[in-house]
Amino acid sequence: MDQKIIPDIVVGRLPLYLRTLQRMSNGGQSVTSSQELGERLGISAAQIRKDLSQFGEFGKQGTGYSVDYLLEQLKKILKVDRVWDMAVVGAGDIGSAVARYQGFADRGFRVAMLFDNDPEKIGSRVGSFIVQDKATMVDTIRAAGIVVAMIAVPGLQAQGVVDELIEAGVKAILNYAPVNLNVPNGVYIQNTDPVTHLQRMTYYLD
């Protein structure tokens, strides 16, 4: 049977639901509703119900959703009911901050290795990591079976780094470089450029 195709915009909202439910659970809340989730997220209750219905039935009309059950199911759907090891490429300001960040582990991810091509950075310590030589990256990532990576390198280097990551077997890449990158089918890339978000907001300022 063919797998149901879920619109990417729906998948993109699931982590928002997951984050909100985790906060509810941490606060001791046991039951919620699409109305409450919608109010917290600025999304209509009808849209939340429609999104969740793409994956099954998780609540009953009039009784709402069990916070912990829905949290568990969304983790399974997003495949973050496990911990994914990640490689970080680029030990500059952004890459070093990512490597030191402690907030990944409880959300399904763990930085496992950090690479750079700067001789002055290779062998240095960043948080709990020793910066590894990017020249060894393909073999090291392939041997570790890592399929998730972040890149924080200059724009001119980014495509070459992505090509090497794909050669190493990486299938999911978070890109901090301020350029759009080409990847083949079966490899997923998300671009995150704070400046573009700032520019989008300043449009609305007087």
Protein backbone atom coordinates (compact mmCIF):
# COMPACT_ATOMS: atom_id res chain seq x y z
CA MET A 1 0.00 0.00 0.00
CA ASP A 2 1.33 3.46 -0.90
CA GLN A 3 2.19 5.67 2.04
CA LYS A 4 -0.19 8.59 2.47
CA ILE A 5 1.40 11.83 1.31
CA ILE A 6 1.15 14.48 4.01
CA PRO A 7 1.48 18.12 2.89
CA ASP A 8 4.78 19.59 4.04
CA ILE A 9 3.00 22.58 5.56
CA VAL A 10 1.18 20.17 7.88
CA VAL A 11 4.41 18.41 8.86
CA GLY A 12 5.89 21.84 9.55
CA ARG A 13 3.22 22.59 12.16
CA LEU A 14 3.66 19.33 14.06
CA PRO A 15 6.83 20.45 15.89
CA LEU A 16 4.89 23.51 17.12
CA TYR A 17 2.19 21.25 18.53
CA LEU A 18 4.85 19.02 20.04
CA ARG A 19 6.65 21.92 21.74
CA THR A 20 3.41 23.28 23.19
CA LEU A 21 2.32 19.87 24.45
CA GLN A 22 5.72 19.34 26.07
CA ARG A 23 5.32 22.60 27.97
CA MET A 24 1.85 21.53 29.07
CA SER A 25 3.16 18.17 30.24
CA ASN A 26 6.07 19.78 32.08
CA GLY A 27 3.54 21.99 33.84
CA GLY A 28 1.51 19.00 35.00
CA GLN A 29 -1.40 19.49 32.59
CA SER A 30 -3.07 16.22 31.62
CA VAL A 31 -5.79 17.24 29.11
CA THR A 32 -6.03 19.86 26.39
CA SER A 33 -8.22 20.72 23.43
CA SER A 34 -7.75 21.95 19.89
CA GLN A 35 -9.22 25.24 21.07
CA GLU A 36 -6.56 25.67 23.76
CA LEU A 37 -3.74 24.60 21.45
CA GLY A 38 -5.02 27.04 18.85
CA GLU A 39 -5.13 29.93 21.32
CA ARG A 40 -1.56 29.26 22.40
CA LEU A 41 -0.26 28.97 18.85
CA GLY A 42 -2.41 31.43 16.92
CA ILE A 43 -3.77 28.60 14.74
CA SER A 44 -7.45 27.83 14.37
CA ALA A 45 -8.84 24.88 16.29
CA ALA A 46 -10.31 23.55 13.04
CA GLN A 47 -6.87 23.59 11.40
CA ILE A 48 -5.32 21.71 14.33
CA ARG A 49 -8.03 19.05 14.20
CA LYS A 50 -7.57 18.74 10.44
CA ASP A 51 -3.80 18.42 10.78
CA LEU A 52 -4.00 15.74 13.46
CA SER A 53 -6.67 13.81 11.56
CA GLN A 54 -4.12 13.20 8.81
CA PHE A 55 -2.44 10.74 11.19
CA GLY A 56 -5.39 9.15 12.98
CA GLU A 57 -7.77 9.86 15.84
CA PHE A 58 -6.10 11.08 19.03
CA GLY A 59 -9.01 12.44 21.07
CA LYS A 60 -12.73 12.27 21.58
CA GLN A 61 -15.23 15.03 20.97
CA GLY A 62 -16.13 16.66 24.26
CA THR A 63 -13.20 15.19 26.18
CA GLY A 64 -10.24 16.67 24.31
CA TYR A 65 -6.77 15.18 24.06
CA SER A 66 -4.63 13.45 26.63
CA VAL A 67 -1.52 15.65 26.67
CA ASP A 68 0.94 12.84 27.33
CA TYR A 69 -0.66 10.46 24.82
CA LEU A 70 -0.73 13.05 22.03
CA LEU A 71 2.83 14.06 22.93
CA GLU A 72 3.95 10.44 22.61
CA GLN A 73 2.16 9.96 19.30
CA LEU A 74 3.60 13.13 17.75
CA LYS A 75 7.09 12.09 18.82
CA LYS A 76 6.57 8.79 17.00
CA ILE A 77 5.21 10.53 13.90
CA LEU A 78 8.18 12.94 13.79
CA LYS A 79 10.55 10.08 14.71
CA VAL A 80 11.89 11.95 17.73
CA ASP A 81 10.94 9.19 20.14
CA ARG A 82 14.64 8.37 19.78
CA VAL A 83 17.83 10.46 19.83
CA TRP A 84 19.42 11.35 16.49
CA ASP A 85 23.16 11.96 16.45
CA MET A 86 24.14 15.04 14.43
CA ALA A 87 27.32 16.32 12.84
CA VAL A 88 28.02 20.06 12.87
CA VAL A 89 30.23 21.52 10.14
CA GLY A 90 31.78 24.90 10.89
CA ALA A 91 33.29 25.80 14.26
CA GLY A 92 32.77 29.55 13.96
CA ASP A 93 30.41 31.56 16.15
CA ILE A 94 27.20 29.81 15.07
CA GLY A 95 28.62 26.28 14.86
CA SER A 96 30.33 26.62 18.24
CA ALA A 97 27.13 27.92 19.82
CA VAL A 98 25.19 24.98 18.37
CA ALA A 99 27.78 22.51 19.69
CA ARG A 100 27.55 24.02 23.18
CA TYR A 101 23.75 24.25 23.20
CA GLN A 102 22.20 21.92 25.76
CA GLY A 103 18.62 22.06 24.50
CA PHE A 104 18.75 19.42 21.76
CA ALA A 105 18.96 16.21 23.77
CA ASP A 106 15.49 16.32 25.34
CA ARG A 107 13.95 17.09 21.93
CA GLY A 108 15.39 14.14 20.03
CA PHE A 109 18.85 15.26 18.89
CA ARG A 110 22.45 15.10 20.10
CA VAL A 111 25.47 16.83 18.61
CA ALA A 112 28.01 14.04 18.15
CA MET A 113 30.89 15.66 16.25
CA LEU A 114 32.15 19.03 15.06
CA PHE A 115 34.26 19.73 11.96
CA ASP A 116 36.19 22.66 10.53
CA ASN A 117 38.89 23.23 7.91
CA ASP A 118 40.74 26.01 9.79
CA PRO A 119 44.10 24.66 11.04
CA GLU A 120 43.87 26.99 14.04
CA LYS A 121 40.53 25.46 15.09
CA ILE A 122 41.26 21.80 14.32
CA GLY A 123 42.15 20.05 17.56
CA SER A 124 40.79 22.84 19.75
CA ARG A 125 38.02 22.27 22.27
CA VAL A 126 34.51 23.66 21.87
CA GLY A 127 32.37 22.71 24.83
CA SER A 128 32.77 18.96 25.19
CA PHE A 129 33.99 18.51 21.59
CA ILE A 130 37.37 18.43 19.92
CA VAL A 131 37.10 20.08 16.51
CA GLN A 132 37.88 17.47 13.86
CA ASP A 133 39.53 18.04 10.51
CA LYS A 134 36.93 18.47 7.78
CA ALA A 135 39.21 16.43 5.51
CA THR A 136 38.18 13.36 7.53
CA MET A 137 34.49 14.27 7.59
CA VAL A 138 33.11 11.94 4.93
CA ASP A 139 34.73 8.80 6.31
CA THR A 140 34.02 9.73 9.95
CA ILE A 141 30.34 10.48 9.40
CA ARG A 142 29.85 7.42 7.22
CA ALA A 143 31.50 5.16 9.81
CA ALA A 144 29.27 6.58 12.56
CA GLY A 145 26.11 6.12 10.48
CA ILE A 146 25.03 9.72 11.04
CA VAL A 147 22.23 10.94 8.78
CA VAL A 148 21.53 14.39 10.27
CA ALA A 149 23.86 17.39 9.99
CA MET A 150 23.99 21.14 10.48
CA ILE A 151 26.21 23.41 8.44
CA ALA A 152 27.41 26.83 9.54
CA VAL A 153 30.03 27.70 6.96
CA PRO A 154 30.52 30.67 4.60
CA GLY A 155 28.13 30.75 1.68
CA LEU A 156 30.81 30.05 -0.91
CA GLN A 157 31.76 26.81 0.85
CA ALA A 158 28.25 25.60 1.61
CA GLN A 159 27.42 23.65 -1.57
CA GLY A 160 30.72 21.77 -1.44
CA VAL A 161 30.11 20.84 2.20
CA VAL A 162 26.60 19.65 1.41
CA ASP A 163 27.89 17.51 -1.47
CA GLU A 164 30.37 15.86 0.91
CA LEU A 165 27.71 15.29 3.55
CA ILE A 166 25.50 13.58 0.98
CA GLU A 167 28.47 11.44 -0.06
CA ALA A 168 28.82 10.48 3.63
CA GLY A 169 25.19 9.32 3.74
CA VAL A 170 23.55 12.33 5.40
CA LYS A 171 19.85 12.66 4.54
CA ALA A 172 18.74 15.70 6.58
CA ILE A 173 20.61 19.01 6.68
CA LEU A 174 19.93 22.21 8.58
CA ASN A 175 21.62 25.03 6.71
CA TYR A 176 22.75 28.20 8.48
CA ALA A 177 24.67 29.43 5.43
CA PRO A 178 22.87 32.36 3.73
CA VAL A 179 22.48 30.57 0.39
CA ASN A 180 20.07 28.15 -1.24
CA LEU A 181 21.62 24.74 -1.81
CA ASN A 182 20.96 21.97 -4.31
CA VAL A 183 20.29 18.47 -3.01
CA PRO A 184 19.01 15.33 -4.75
CA ASN A 185 15.67 13.66 -4.12
CA GLY A 186 15.66 11.83 -0.82
CA VAL A 187 17.80 14.45 0.93
CA TYR A 188 15.96 17.06 2.98
CA ILE A 189 17.30 20.54 3.69
CA GLN A 190 15.97 23.35 5.85
CA ASN A 191 17.40 26.85 5.52
CA THR A 192 17.57 29.12 8.54
CA ASP A 193 18.80 32.65 7.95
CA PRO A 194 17.96 35.08 10.79
CA VAL A 195 18.53 38.10 8.55
CA THR A 196 15.72 37.12 6.16
CA HIS A 197 13.34 36.84 9.12
CA LEU A 198 14.46 40.23 10.43
CA GLN A 199 13.93 41.76 6.99
CA ARG A 200 10.47 40.26 6.81
CA MET A 201 9.58 41.91 10.13
CA THR A 202 11.06 45.32 9.38
CA TYR A 203 8.71 45.59 6.40
CA TYR A 204 5.92 46.15 8.93
CA LEU A 205 7.73 48.75 11.04
CA ASP A 206 7.11 52.48 10.73
